[in-house]
Protein backbone atom coordinates (compact mmCIF):
# COMPACT_ATOMS: atom_id res chain seq x y z
CA MET A 1 -12.14 -15.36 9.28
CA HIS A 2 -12.65 -18.07 11.88
CA ASP A 3 -14.17 -21.54 11.65
CA ILE A 4 -17.59 -21.34 13.31
CA ARG A 5 -17.42 -25.05 14.10
CA MET A 6 -14.24 -24.52 16.07
CA ILE A 7 -15.93 -21.80 18.12
CA ARG A 8 -18.97 -24.06 18.77
CA ASP A 9 -16.75 -26.96 19.81
CA ASN A 10 -14.36 -25.03 22.06
CA PRO A 11 -15.61 -21.55 22.94
CA ALA A 12 -13.40 -21.35 26.03
CA ALA A 13 -10.21 -21.80 24.00
CA PHE A 14 -11.40 -19.25 21.44
CA ASP A 15 -12.13 -16.70 24.16
CA ALA A 16 -8.82 -17.36 25.88
CA ALA A 17 -6.93 -16.69 22.64
CA LEU A 18 -8.81 -13.46 21.84
CA SER A 19 -8.49 -12.25 25.43
CA ARG A 20 -4.75 -12.06 24.77
CA ARG A 21 -5.62 -9.38 22.20
CA GLY A 22 -7.78 -7.51 24.73
CA MET A 23 -11.13 -8.92 23.58
CA ASP A 24 -13.25 -10.72 26.16
CA GLY A 25 -16.36 -12.87 25.91
CA VAL A 26 -16.50 -12.85 22.13
CA SER A 27 -17.77 -16.42 21.75
CA SER A 28 -21.04 -15.66 23.54
CA ARG A 29 -21.90 -13.00 20.95
CA VAL A 30 -20.87 -15.23 18.07
CA LEU A 31 -22.73 -18.27 19.33
CA ALA A 32 -25.88 -16.29 20.15
CA LEU A 33 -26.06 -15.05 16.56
CA ASP A 34 -25.21 -18.51 15.26
CA GLU A 35 -27.97 -20.07 17.37
CA ALA A 36 -30.49 -17.47 16.22
CA ARG A 37 -29.55 -18.12 12.59
CA ARG A 38 -29.77 -21.89 12.96
CA THR A 39 -33.05 -21.67 14.86
CA LYS A 40 -34.62 -19.59 12.09
CA ILE A 41 -33.31 -21.94 9.41
CA LEU A 42 -34.70 -24.98 11.26
CA ALA A 43 -38.04 -23.26 11.77
CA SER A 44 -38.13 -22.39 8.06
CA GLU A 45 -37.36 -25.97 7.08
CA THR A 46 -40.08 -27.26 9.43
CA ALA A 47 -42.60 -24.80 8.02
CA GLN A 48 -41.58 -25.80 4.50
CA ALA A 49 -42.18 -29.46 5.33
CA ASP A 50 -45.62 -28.58 6.73
CA ALA A 51 -46.42 -26.56 3.62
CA ASN A 52 -45.30 -29.40 1.36
CA LYS A 53 -47.45 -31.87 3.24
CA ALA A 54 -50.48 -29.58 3.13
CA ALA A 55 -49.94 -28.92 -0.58
CA LYS A 56 -50.09 -32.64 -1.30
CA GLU A 57 -53.30 -32.99 0.72
CA VAL A 58 -55.02 -30.11 -1.10
CA GLY A 59 -55.57 -32.21 -4.20
CA ALA A 60 -56.86 -35.15 -2.19
CA ALA A 61 -59.39 -32.95 -0.36
CA LYS A 62 -60.53 -31.51 -3.69
CA GLY A 63 -60.95 -35.03 -5.09
CA ARG A 64 -63.05 -36.10 -2.12
CA GLY A 65 -65.25 -33.07 -2.55
CA ASP A 66 -64.37 -31.90 0.96
CA GLU A 67 -64.61 -28.15 0.30
CA ASP A 68 -64.06 -27.12 3.92
CA GLU A 69 -60.87 -29.16 4.19
CA PHE A 70 -59.77 -27.93 0.77
CA GLN A 71 -60.14 -24.30 1.81
CA ARG A 72 -58.46 -24.93 5.18
CA LEU A 73 -55.45 -26.57 3.53
CA ARG A 74 -55.15 -23.81 0.90
CA ALA A 75 -55.16 -21.21 3.66
CA LEU A 76 -52.59 -23.22 5.59
CA VAL A 77 -50.29 -23.38 2.56
CA ALA A 78 -50.59 -19.61 2.07
CA THR A 79 -49.91 -18.98 5.75
CA LYS A 80 -46.89 -21.27 5.70
CA LYS A 81 -45.50 -19.55 2.62
CA ALA A 82 -45.68 -16.18 4.39
CA GLU A 83 -44.14 -17.72 7.53
CA ILE A 84 -41.32 -19.29 5.50
CA ALA A 85 -40.57 -15.97 3.76
CA ALA A 86 -40.43 -14.16 7.10
CA LEU A 87 -38.23 -16.84 8.68
CA ASN A 88 -35.87 -16.86 5.69
CA GLU A 89 -35.52 -13.09 5.91
CA GLU A 90 -34.81 -13.28 9.64
CA ALA A 91 -32.28 -16.08 9.04
CA LYS A 92 -30.62 -13.97 6.34
CA GLU A 93 -30.40 -10.96 8.65
CA ALA A 94 -28.88 -13.12 11.41
CA SER A 95 -26.40 -14.60 8.91
CA VAL A 96 -25.34 -11.15 7.70
CA THR A 97 -24.92 -9.90 11.26
CA LEU A 98 -22.88 -12.98 12.18
CA HIS A 99 -20.73 -12.72 9.03
CA THR A 100 -20.08 -9.03 9.66
CA LEU A 101 -19.02 -9.74 13.24
CA MET A 102 -16.74 -12.58 12.12
CA LEU A 103 -15.08 -10.32 9.54
CA THR A 104 -14.10 -7.84 12.26
CA LEU A 105 -12.52 -10.38 14.62
CA PRO A 106 -8.70 -10.55 14.61
CA ASN A 107 -6.72 -13.72 14.11
CA LEU A 108 -5.81 -15.93 17.05
CA PRO A 109 -2.18 -15.51 18.15
CA TYR A 110 -0.01 -18.60 18.33
CA ALA A 111 0.66 -19.87 21.85
CA ASP A 112 4.33 -18.83 21.69
CA ILE A 113 3.56 -15.15 21.01
CA PRO A 114 4.56 -12.90 23.94
CA ASP A 115 1.71 -11.14 25.72
CA GLY A 116 1.89 -7.37 25.83
CA LYS A 117 0.19 -4.05 25.16
CA ASP A 118 2.46 -2.31 22.66
CA GLU A 119 5.90 -2.25 21.03
CA ALA A 120 7.59 -1.95 24.41
CA ASP A 121 6.62 -5.58 25.06
CA ASN A 122 8.07 -7.00 21.83
CA VAL A 123 10.85 -9.56 22.22
CA GLU A 124 14.14 -9.32 20.37
CA MET A 125 15.07 -12.42 18.34
CA ASN A 126 18.44 -11.35 17.02
CA LYS A 127 20.60 -8.36 16.19
CA HIS A 128 22.94 -8.04 13.21
CA GLY A 129 25.73 -5.65 12.30
CA ASN A 130 27.75 -3.04 14.13
CA LEU A 131 26.30 0.41 14.64
CA PRO A 132 28.26 3.07 12.73
CA ASN A 133 30.71 5.09 14.80
CA PHE A 134 30.64 8.68 13.58
CA ALA A 135 33.24 11.31 14.46
CA PHE A 136 30.43 13.88 14.18
CA ASP A 137 26.80 14.13 15.21
CA PRO A 138 24.78 12.29 12.54
CA VAL A 139 21.66 14.00 11.21
CA GLU A 140 18.39 12.73 9.77
CA HIS A 141 18.16 11.88 6.09
CA PHE A 142 16.49 15.13 5.01
CA GLU A 143 19.20 17.20 6.74
CA ILE A 144 22.19 15.64 4.94
CA ALA A 145 23.75 18.26 2.66
CA GLY A 146 24.07 15.95 -0.34
CA VAL A 147 20.45 14.80 0.03
CA VAL A 148 18.78 18.21 0.40
CA PRO A 149 18.88 19.07 -3.36
CA GLY A 150 17.18 15.79 -4.28
CA MET A 151 14.47 15.56 -1.61
CA ASP A 152 11.90 18.35 -2.03
CA PHE A 153 9.00 18.37 0.43
CA GLU A 154 7.87 21.91 -0.32
CA THR A 155 7.17 21.27 -4.00
CA ALA A 156 5.54 17.94 -3.15
CA ALA A 157 3.23 19.74 -0.71
CA LYS A 158 2.30 22.19 -3.48
CA LEU A 159 1.52 19.28 -5.80
CA ALA A 160 -0.26 16.93 -3.41
CA GLY A 161 -0.26 18.16 0.20
CA SER A 162 1.61 16.97 3.26
CA ARG A 163 3.34 13.60 3.59
CA PHE A 164 4.56 13.44 0.01
CA VAL A 165 8.07 13.92 -1.34
CA LEU A 166 9.50 14.88 -4.72
CA MET A 167 12.78 13.05 -5.29
CA SER A 168 15.17 13.99 -8.07
CA GLY A 169 18.71 13.47 -9.27
CA ALA A 170 20.96 11.21 -7.22
CA VAL A 171 18.38 10.55 -4.51
CA ALA A 172 15.78 9.38 -7.04
CA ARG A 173 18.39 7.23 -8.74
CA VAL A 174 19.43 5.50 -5.52
CA HIS A 175 15.78 4.94 -4.65
CA ARG A 176 15.22 3.25 -8.04
CA ALA A 177 18.39 1.18 -7.67
CA LEU A 178 17.25 -0.13 -4.28
CA GLY A 179 13.97 -1.44 -5.67
CA GLN A 180 15.75 -3.13 -8.57
CA PHE A 181 18.35 -4.65 -6.26
CA MET A 182 15.64 -6.07 -3.99
CA LEU A 183 13.69 -7.58 -6.88
CA ASP A 184 16.76 -9.14 -8.47
CA THR A 185 17.87 -10.65 -5.16
CA HIS A 186 14.47 -12.17 -4.40
CA VAL A 187 14.04 -13.57 -7.91
CA GLU A 188 17.57 -14.82 -8.57
CA GLU A 189 18.58 -15.94 -5.08
CA ASN A 190 15.38 -16.46 -3.07
CA ASP A 191 13.28 -18.26 -5.70
CA LEU A 192 10.34 -15.84 -5.68
CA VAL A 193 8.29 -15.27 -8.83
CA GLU A 194 8.38 -11.65 -10.00
CA THR A 195 4.84 -10.37 -10.43
CA ASN A 196 3.49 -7.08 -11.75
CA THR A 197 0.08 -6.37 -10.24
CA PRO A 198 -2.60 -3.66 -10.42
CA VAL A 199 -2.58 -0.98 -7.74
CA LEU A 200 -6.35 -0.50 -8.06
CA VAL A 201 -8.49 -3.39 -6.80
CA ARG A 202 -12.07 -4.42 -6.25
CA GLU A 203 -13.45 -3.98 -2.75
CA GLU A 204 -13.76 -7.73 -2.15
CA MET A 205 -9.99 -8.09 -2.50
CA LEU A 206 -9.47 -5.96 0.63
CA TYR A 207 -12.04 -8.09 2.43
CA GLY A 208 -10.05 -11.14 1.35
CA THR A 209 -6.83 -10.03 3.04
CA GLY A 210 -8.53 -8.36 6.02
CA GLN A 211 -8.07 -4.61 5.40
CA LEU A 212 -11.87 -4.36 5.26
CA PRO A 213 -14.22 -3.83 6.93
CA LYS A 214 -12.34 -2.70 10.03
CA PHE A 215 -9.44 -0.69 8.57
CA GLY A 216 -11.05 1.09 5.62
CA GLU A 217 -10.09 4.51 6.99
CA ASP A 218 -6.42 3.65 6.46
CA SER A 219 -6.88 3.20 2.70
CA TYR A 220 -8.06 5.30 -0.23
CA GLN A 221 -11.17 4.54 -2.31
CA THR A 222 -11.89 6.04 -5.71
CA THR A 223 -15.27 7.51 -6.62
CA ASP A 224 -16.08 4.51 -8.82
CA GLY A 225 -15.45 1.93 -6.09
CA TRP A 226 -11.88 0.82 -6.70
CA TRP A 227 -9.43 0.89 -3.80
CA LEU A 228 -5.77 1.89 -3.99
CA ILE A 229 -3.68 -0.92 -2.52
CA PRO A 230 -2.00 -0.23 0.84
CA THR A 231 0.44 -3.03 -0.01
CA ALA A 232 0.87 -5.64 -2.74
CA GLU A 233 -0.08 -8.20 -0.11
CA VAL A 234 -3.63 -7.49 -1.31
CA THR A 235 -3.02 -8.34 -4.95
CA LEU A 236 -0.47 -11.13 -4.51
CA THR A 237 -2.47 -13.02 -1.87
CA ASN A 238 -5.73 -12.69 -3.81
CA ILE A 239 -4.17 -14.42 -6.81
CA VAL A 240 -5.51 -17.62 -5.18
CA ASN A 241 -8.87 -16.10 -4.23
CA GLY A 242 -11.60 -18.66 -4.92
CA LEU A 243 -9.16 -21.29 -6.21
CA THR A 244 -8.69 -24.93 -5.24
CA LEU A 245 -5.05 -25.76 -5.95
CA GLU A 246 -3.31 -29.06 -6.45
CA ALA A 247 -1.06 -29.81 -3.48
CA ASP A 248 1.98 -30.30 -5.68
CA VAL A 249 1.99 -26.63 -6.80
CA LEU A 250 2.56 -25.47 -3.21
CA PRO A 251 4.29 -23.42 -2.04
CA ARG A 252 3.66 -20.51 -4.39
CA ARG A 253 6.03 -17.64 -3.70
CA PHE A 254 5.48 -14.20 -5.21
CA VAL A 255 7.27 -10.85 -5.14
CA ALA A 256 6.16 -7.50 -6.52
CA HIS A 257 7.48 -3.95 -6.53
CA THR A 258 4.55 -1.52 -6.42
CA LEU A 259 3.38 1.86 -5.39
CA CYS A 260 1.42 1.69 -2.12
CA PHE A 261 -1.06 4.17 -0.68
CA ARG A 262 -2.08 4.70 2.94
CA SER A 263 -4.08 7.51 4.49
CA GLU A 264 -2.25 7.04 7.83
CA ALA A 265 -5.52 8.01 9.51
CA GLY A 266 -4.47 6.47 12.79
CA SER A 267 -1.03 8.07 12.98
CA ALA A 268 -1.70 11.81 13.12
CA GLY A 269 1.30 13.69 14.44
CA ARG A 270 3.72 10.76 14.10
CA ASP A 271 6.90 10.98 12.02
CA THR A 272 5.74 14.01 10.08
CA SER A 273 9.31 15.14 9.32
CA GLY A 274 11.10 13.64 6.35
CA MET A 275 9.84 10.68 4.33
CA LEU A 276 9.52 8.03 7.03
CA ARG A 277 5.70 7.98 6.95
CA GLN A 278 4.19 8.89 3.58
CA HIS A 279 0.77 8.62 1.93
CA GLN A 280 2.43 7.23 -1.23
CA PHE A 281 5.48 4.99 -1.13
CA GLU A 282 7.08 2.02 -2.84
CA LYS A 283 7.50 -1.42 -1.41
CA VAL A 284 8.84 -4.76 -2.55
CA GLU A 285 6.35 -7.24 -1.13
CA MET A 286 6.70 -10.99 -0.66
CA VAL A 287 3.75 -13.39 -0.38
CA THR A 288 3.74 -17.14 0.13
CA VAL A 289 0.78 -19.50 -0.26
CA CYS A 290 1.61 -22.88 1.21
CA HIS A 291 0.54 -26.16 2.81
CA PRO A 292 -0.35 -25.75 6.51
CA ASP A 293 2.45 -28.12 7.49
CA THR A 294 5.13 -25.83 6.03
CA SER A 295 3.90 -22.38 7.08
CA ASP A 296 6.19 -22.11 10.12
CA ALA A 297 9.24 -22.97 8.01
CA GLU A 298 8.09 -20.52 5.32
CA HIS A 299 7.83 -17.78 7.95
CA LEU A 300 11.45 -18.26 8.95
CA ARG A 301 12.45 -18.43 5.30
CA MET A 302 10.72 -15.15 4.42
CA THR A 303 12.25 -13.46 7.47
CA ALA A 304 15.70 -14.56 6.30
CA CYS A 305 14.97 -13.24 2.78
CA ALA A 306 14.20 -9.78 4.15
CA GLU A 307 17.13 -9.81 6.56
CA GLY A 308 19.43 -10.81 3.71
CA ILE A 309 18.67 -7.59 1.83
CA LEU A 310 19.83 -5.51 4.79
CA GLU A 311 22.93 -7.65 5.23
CA ARG A 312 23.89 -7.20 1.57
CA LEU A 313 23.47 -3.43 2.04
CA ASN A 314 25.57 -3.58 5.24
CA LEU A 315 22.81 -2.00 7.31
CA PRO A 316 22.57 -2.83 11.03
CA TYR A 317 19.21 -4.26 12.08
CA ARG A 318 17.43 -6.22 14.72
CA THR A 319 14.49 -8.65 14.43
CA VAL A 320 11.75 -8.79 17.03
CA VAL A 321 8.71 -10.96 17.68
CA LEU A 322 5.67 -8.74 18.07
CA CYS A 323 3.62 -9.12 21.21
CA THR A 324 -0.14 -9.68 21.12
CA GLY A 325 -0.90 -5.98 21.54
CA ASP A 326 1.34 -4.81 18.69
CA MET A 327 0.57 -7.50 16.13
CA GLY A 328 -1.64 -6.79 13.11
CA ALA A 329 -5.20 -8.11 13.14
CA GLY A 330 -4.64 -10.71 10.42
CA ALA A 331 -1.45 -12.25 11.82
CA ARG A 332 -0.88 -15.23 14.07
CA ARG A 333 2.82 -14.41 14.40
CA THR A 334 4.82 -11.42 13.16
CA HIS A 335 8.54 -10.78 12.93
CA ASP A 336 9.38 -7.08 12.64
CA ILE A 337 12.75 -6.19 11.19
CA GLU A 338 14.00 -2.82 12.42
CA VAL A 339 16.86 -1.03 10.70
CA TRP A 340 19.21 1.33 12.53
CA LEU A 341 18.70 5.03 11.75
CA PRO A 342 21.59 7.08 13.14
CA GLY A 343 19.72 10.37 12.68
CA GLN A 344 17.05 9.17 15.11
CA ASN A 345 19.49 7.12 17.21
CA ALA A 346 16.94 4.30 17.06
CA TYR A 347 15.90 1.13 15.30
CA ARG A 348 12.82 1.66 13.11
CA GLU A 349 10.60 -0.86 11.37
CA ILE A 350 11.46 -1.61 7.76
CA SER A 351 9.64 -4.92 7.34
CA SER A 352 6.89 -6.96 8.99
CA ILE A 353 6.84 -10.65 8.11
CA SER A 354 3.57 -12.30 9.16
CA THR A 355 2.08 -15.75 9.01
CA CYS A 356 -1.71 -15.71 8.89
CA GLY A 357 -2.54 -19.41 9.04
CA ASP A 358 -5.86 -20.04 7.27
CA TYR A 359 -7.36 -16.70 8.39
CA GLN A 360 -7.11 -15.03 4.96
CA ALA A 361 -7.74 -18.27 3.08
CA ARG A 362 -11.15 -18.64 4.73
CA ARG A 363 -12.03 -15.09 3.74
CA MET A 364 -10.90 -15.79 0.16
CA ASN A 365 -12.11 -19.40 0.01
CA ALA A 366 -8.64 -20.51 -1.14
CA ARG A 367 -8.05 -24.24 -0.78
CA PHE A 368 -5.86 -27.12 -1.94
CA LYS A 369 -6.50 -30.80 -2.64
CA PRO A 370 -4.57 -33.06 -0.24
CA GLU A 371 -2.28 -35.47 -2.07
CA ALA A 372 -3.75 -38.38 -0.11
CA GLY A 373 -7.22 -37.43 -1.26
CA GLY A 374 -10.18 -36.28 0.78
CA LYS A 375 -11.92 -32.98 1.26
CA PRO A 376 -10.07 -29.82 0.11
CA GLU A 377 -8.37 -27.89 2.91
CA PHE A 378 -7.59 -24.20 3.34
CA VAL A 379 -4.11 -23.04 2.36
CA HIS A 380 -1.94 -20.95 4.67
CA THR A 381 -0.80 -17.46 3.63
CA LEU A 382 2.18 -15.34 4.63
CA ASN A 383 3.26 -11.83 3.67
CA GLY A 384 6.10 -9.44 4.35
CA SER A 385 8.08 -6.50 3.03
CA GLY A 386 11.28 -7.29 1.31
CA LEU A 387 11.70 -4.27 1.84
CA ALA A 388 9.98 -0.90 2.14
CA VAL A 389 12.02 0.96 -0.49
CA GLY A 390 11.69 4.47 0.94
CA ARG A 391 12.65 3.42 4.44
CA CYS A 392 15.58 1.49 3.05
CA LEU A 393 16.67 4.66 1.23
CA ILE A 394 16.53 6.55 4.54
CA ALA A 395 18.71 3.90 6.17
CA VAL A 396 21.24 3.92 3.31
CA LEU A 397 21.53 7.71 3.43
CA GLU A 398 21.77 8.02 7.21
CA ASN A 399 24.20 5.15 7.74
CA GLY A 400 26.36 6.26 4.81
CA GLN A 401 26.50 9.97 5.66
CA GLN A 402 29.94 11.58 5.89
CA GLU A 403 31.11 14.60 7.86
CA ASP A 404 31.38 16.73 4.69
CA GLY A 405 27.70 16.11 3.82
CA SER A 406 28.34 13.43 1.20
CA VAL A 407 26.93 9.89 1.36
CA ALA A 408 28.91 6.70 0.78
CA LEU A 409 26.67 4.14 -0.93
CA PRO A 410 26.64 0.36 -0.27
CA GLU A 411 28.79 -1.75 -2.57
CA ALA A 412 25.79 -3.90 -3.52
CA LEU A 413 24.25 -0.87 -5.28
CA HIS A 414 27.31 0.11 -7.33
CA PRO A 415 26.40 -2.09 -10.33
CA TYR A 416 22.90 -0.57 -10.37
CA LEU A 417 24.41 2.92 -10.39
CA ARG A 418 26.84 2.23 -13.25
CA GLY A 419 29.79 2.23 -10.91
CA LYS A 420 28.87 5.37 -8.95
CA LYS A 421 29.78 4.99 -5.29
CA LYS A 422 28.65 8.13 -3.50
CA ILE A 423 26.45 11.21 -3.45
CA ASN A 424 28.62 14.30 -3.19
CA ALA A 425 27.86 17.10 -0.75
CA ASP A 426 26.41 19.12 -3.64
CA GLY A 427 23.97 16.30 -4.52
CA ALA A 428 25.81 14.97 -7.59
CA MET A 429 26.69 11.29 -8.10
CA ALA A 430 30.34 10.33 -8.06
């Protein structure tokens, strides 16, 4: 959500920022609706003042015995009441239209964000780790001999349809270990507060973080109005929905490991093989609520937290700054972390770390009291995967694959697997 006063005061700057996202002339639509709303409100207030004045004069006319004036004033009051009701309804309609438009507008990118149309225009920040050098042609995760027994897409399709997977045995165990390892690292080393949240939420929570109204087709809604969360960003960020915090409790840093659900409505035909793009998946999500002055530092901190997981797992990755055309609607700046997948011979996204400024806070009405006193201000919010568990599993399997079909597992996971170090070619742990 944007500050309407900022748009009134500097429409040119607002339009220039949104034009970088491919949207032109937005301020004229916003300000026209705003002017219509304010005009109706002013007209209603003027009519109310006239009605109040006439109402006071009714009694005086009655006392003077001036029946004609009495009747005229009574009629005027009745007319004004009808006029006020009509103007209030028109003002309400204009307000709703304006609010709906404002809810659909994306965030303004920071000035340092590269311009571009899609992922081809993203800019690499850094690259970490050496790509594995195989003496054989590496395959994708679902083709590795030791993985095949524990990754069943056919049975999952029978149970739920396409884009689901049934994991069992060693594969399921490694998947569980990854989530536990991520949580422990973020809690014990990165100072995040472990949080267990619902995966069903009220509709207003998705409005708060920006998934609604524009991206409803990408999520699932139950018949009784609840929505399945597409990410724990929704629940963790909305913890501060409607709150006014003391400045000294900031920053608040949360982490949660949850199931996530996405319809993937806009990605038909993409990554349909394997478990790279699923309707149901698990993710360890990080959220920070902070003072505006520290949000840039928090963004770098959260990026390092996510990168650290990959480094501990000895997985090669690169981090890129998303261009204006590839960045999510709610973000002002996004760092994508892309892990190396030998089976695809490509880096693929495993985490997006975004700073949203006060965009979500305005939608949630989440504020803090400045330590120096004065009017409460909006907090800043940030979110990011730390990491997507399923995609991390893919990376572990593909980077650890051996020529005989077994998989060597990262040392960081050995304690979580009771000392087991590999998946044999027959799918058993060893």
